[in-house]
Amino acid sequence: MFYRRLYFVIPDEPQAVRVAADIEAAGVDCQHMHAIPGKGVTLMHLPPATEKQRHDAAWQLERRMWTGNMALFALALAGLIVSFVWESSFGAVLSLAIMALTFTAGALFAMRVPDTHLDEFRGALSHSEVLLMVDVPASRVVEIEELVGRCHPGAIPGGTSWTIEALGI
C-alpha cells in the first residue's frame, strides 16, 4: 500500500514519546512510526528506523527511476533521429510515443509526488534532536499534521514524502 511519510523534528525523546503516543491514540499503529536519533541521543522508548529508512532508500529508488526515465527518453530521441535518417514512419511514431510517455511520467512524478528527504534534516540531527517519521494514508496527512501542530507546538513539521510499505522504505 502507498503511504505518505510525515516528518517531525522534535527537541528530545520525552517530547517525541508524547507525540508518538498522541498519534497512536489517533489510530496510527506504532509499526508505522520510526525515529532517527540525533547526535548523542539513544532511543529507549521509540521505535527505531530500519536501515533502509536511515539511508533513505526511497530517495535512492526515486533517483534511479528518474535516471532510467531520462535515459529512456534519450534513447527514444536517438531512435527518432535514426527513424528520420532511415525514413521509417513507424520508428518515428514509436519514438515519439515513448518520448511522450516518459515526459508525462516524469512530469506527473515531479509535480504530484511529495518530495522530502533525510538530507534536509541532517542539521537538526546534528543538534541532538529526534526525527519522527510517521507513515499514514494520503487521506490522513492533514489530520495528523493538525493534531501534532495543535497538541505539540515544539514539534516542527518537516514535510511529506512518499513510501511503499511493502518495500520497507
Protein backbone atom coordinates (compact mmCIF):
# COMPACT_ATOMS: atom_id res chain seq x y z
CA MET A 1 0.00 0.00 0.00
CA PHE A 2 1.17 3.53 -0.75
CA TYR A 3 1.61 5.83 2.21
CA ARG A 4 2.77 9.35 2.82
CA ARG A 5 5.64 9.78 5.24
CA LEU A 6 5.34 12.77 7.56
CA TYR A 7 8.47 14.13 9.18
CA PHE A 8 8.53 15.87 12.56
CA VAL A 9 11.64 17.31 14.20
CA ILE A 10 11.27 17.13 17.96
CA PRO A 11 13.68 18.62 20.54
CA ASP A 12 14.13 15.49 22.66
CA GLU A 13 12.97 11.92 23.20
CA PRO A 14 10.46 12.56 26.04
CA GLN A 15 8.56 15.01 23.82
CA ALA A 16 8.84 12.63 20.88
CA VAL A 17 7.33 9.85 23.01
CA ARG A 18 4.35 12.10 23.82
CA VAL A 19 3.90 12.99 20.14
CA ALA A 20 4.05 9.31 19.17
CA ALA A 21 1.52 8.41 21.89
CA ASP A 22 -0.95 11.03 20.62
CA ILE A 23 -0.53 9.85 17.04
CA GLU A 24 -1.06 6.27 18.15
CA ALA A 25 -4.19 7.34 20.08
CA ALA A 26 -5.46 8.83 16.79
CA GLY A 27 -5.35 5.35 15.25
CA VAL A 28 -1.90 5.15 13.66
CA ASP A 29 -0.25 1.84 14.52
CA CYS A 30 3.17 2.17 16.15
CA GLN A 31 4.65 0.00 13.39
CA HIS A 32 4.09 2.99 11.10
CA MET A 33 6.24 5.26 13.26
CA HIS A 34 10.02 5.35 13.07
CA ALA A 35 12.51 7.55 14.86
CA ILE A 36 16.03 8.60 14.00
CA PRO A 37 18.01 9.90 16.97
CA GLY A 38 20.18 12.96 16.67
CA LYS A 39 23.83 13.11 17.65
CA GLY A 40 24.35 11.75 21.15
CA VAL A 41 20.73 10.61 21.57
CA THR A 42 19.86 6.99 22.32
CA LEU A 43 16.28 5.97 21.75
CA MET A 44 14.83 4.00 24.62
CA HIS A 45 11.08 4.38 24.11
CA LEU A 46 10.58 4.97 20.39
CA PRO A 47 10.64 2.50 17.50
CA PRO A 48 13.93 2.99 15.65
CA ALA A 49 14.07 3.46 11.90
CA THR A 50 15.21 0.50 9.84
CA GLU A 51 18.50 0.50 7.97
CA LYS A 52 16.67 1.26 4.70
CA GLN A 53 14.85 4.18 6.31
CA ARG A 54 18.02 5.62 7.86
CA HIS A 55 19.75 5.51 4.48
CA ASP A 56 16.74 6.97 2.65
CA ALA A 57 16.14 4.03 0.31
CA ALA A 58 13.09 5.84 -1.12
CA TRP A 59 15.32 8.67 -2.35
CA GLN A 60 17.76 6.19 -3.89
CA LEU A 61 14.90 4.40 -5.68
CA GLU A 62 13.49 7.73 -6.82
CA ARG A 63 16.87 8.81 -8.19
CA ARG A 64 17.34 5.52 -10.06
CA MET A 65 13.88 5.70 -11.58
CA TRP A 66 14.40 9.34 -12.61
CA THR A 67 17.74 8.46 -14.22
CA GLY A 68 16.16 5.50 -16.02
CA ASN A 69 13.32 7.69 -17.23
CA MET A 70 15.76 10.26 -18.60
CA ALA A 71 17.88 7.54 -20.27
CA LEU A 72 14.79 6.05 -21.91
CA PHE A 73 13.81 9.50 -23.18
CA ALA A 74 17.31 9.99 -24.62
CA LEU A 75 17.20 6.58 -26.32
CA ALA A 76 13.80 7.40 -27.81
CA LEU A 77 15.18 10.72 -29.06
CA ALA A 78 18.10 8.88 -30.68
CA GLY A 79 15.57 6.45 -32.17
CA LEU A 80 13.62 9.38 -33.58
CA ILE A 81 16.71 10.76 -35.28
CA VAL A 82 17.57 7.33 -36.71
CA SER A 83 13.95 6.97 -37.87
CA PHE A 84 14.22 10.23 -39.81
CA VAL A 85 17.51 9.15 -41.38
CA TRP A 86 16.07 5.77 -42.40
CA GLU A 87 12.73 7.35 -43.33
CA SER A 88 10.82 5.00 -41.05
CA SER A 89 7.45 6.45 -40.09
CA PHE A 90 6.74 3.52 -37.72
CA GLY A 91 10.03 4.12 -35.88
CA ALA A 92 9.30 7.85 -35.66
CA VAL A 93 5.81 7.29 -34.25
CA LEU A 94 7.10 4.69 -31.77
CA SER A 95 9.92 7.00 -30.66
CA LEU A 96 7.55 9.94 -30.24
CA ALA A 97 5.14 7.77 -28.21
CA ILE A 98 7.95 6.64 -25.88
CA MET A 99 9.17 10.22 -25.50
CA ALA A 100 5.66 11.43 -24.69
CA LEU A 101 5.19 8.62 -22.17
CA THR A 102 8.49 9.26 -20.37
CA PHE A 103 7.91 13.02 -20.38
CA THR A 104 4.41 12.60 -18.94
CA ALA A 105 5.59 10.12 -16.29
CA GLY A 106 8.41 12.45 -15.23
CA ALA A 107 6.16 15.50 -15.13
CA LEU A 108 3.48 13.73 -13.08
CA PHE A 109 6.06 12.45 -10.62
CA ALA A 110 7.76 15.83 -10.29
CA MET A 111 4.50 17.76 -9.83
CA ARG A 112 2.35 15.38 -7.81
CA VAL A 113 4.56 13.25 -5.58
CA PRO A 114 5.67 14.92 -2.32
CA ASP A 115 9.41 15.06 -2.02
CA THR A 116 11.22 15.41 1.32
CA HIS A 117 14.47 13.58 2.01
CA LEU A 118 16.59 12.85 5.06
CA ASP A 119 19.36 15.18 3.91
CA GLU A 120 17.06 18.05 4.82
CA PHE A 121 17.24 17.01 8.49
CA ARG A 122 20.98 16.50 8.90
CA GLY A 123 21.34 19.88 10.63
CA ALA A 124 18.62 19.12 13.18
CA LEU A 125 20.01 15.64 13.82
CA SER A 126 23.47 17.08 14.43
CA HIS A 127 21.92 19.15 17.25
CA SER A 128 20.65 16.14 19.23
CA GLU A 129 17.04 16.39 18.10
CA VAL A 130 14.83 13.45 17.19
CA LEU A 131 13.31 12.93 13.75
CA LEU A 132 9.96 11.13 13.97
CA MET A 133 8.72 9.65 10.69
CA VAL A 134 5.06 8.68 10.55
CA ASP A 135 3.58 6.70 7.64
CA VAL A 136 -0.10 7.38 7.03
CA PRO A 137 -2.52 7.01 4.12
CA ALA A 138 -2.68 10.18 1.99
CA SER A 139 -6.20 10.83 3.26
CA ARG A 140 -4.91 11.30 6.84
CA VAL A 141 -1.96 13.62 6.21
CA VAL A 142 -3.75 16.86 7.10
CA GLU A 143 -5.44 15.31 10.14
CA ILE A 144 -2.17 14.05 11.65
CA GLU A 145 -0.28 17.26 10.86
CA GLU A 146 -3.03 19.32 12.52
CA LEU A 147 -3.07 17.01 15.56
CA VAL A 148 0.67 17.34 16.09
CA GLY A 149 0.65 21.09 15.44
CA ARG A 150 -2.23 21.68 17.84
CA CYS A 151 -1.02 19.46 20.69
CA HIS A 152 2.76 19.76 20.34
CA PRO A 153 3.96 23.21 19.25
CA GLY A 154 7.57 22.14 19.88
CA ALA A 155 7.33 19.52 17.12
CA ILE A 156 8.36 21.12 13.86
CA PRO A 157 6.72 19.65 10.76
CA GLY A 158 9.42 18.86 8.24
CA GLY A 159 7.46 17.93 5.16
CA THR A 160 5.96 14.93 3.44
CA SER A 161 7.30 12.28 1.11
CA TRP A 162 6.10 9.01 -0.35
CA THR A 163 6.80 5.49 0.87
CA ILE A 164 5.81 1.97 -0.09
CA GLU A 165 5.14 -0.23 2.91
CA ALA A 166 5.71 -3.48 1.03
CA LEU A 167 9.27 -2.42 0.16
CA GLY A 168 10.04 -1.33 3.71
CA ILE A 169 11.30 2.07 2.59
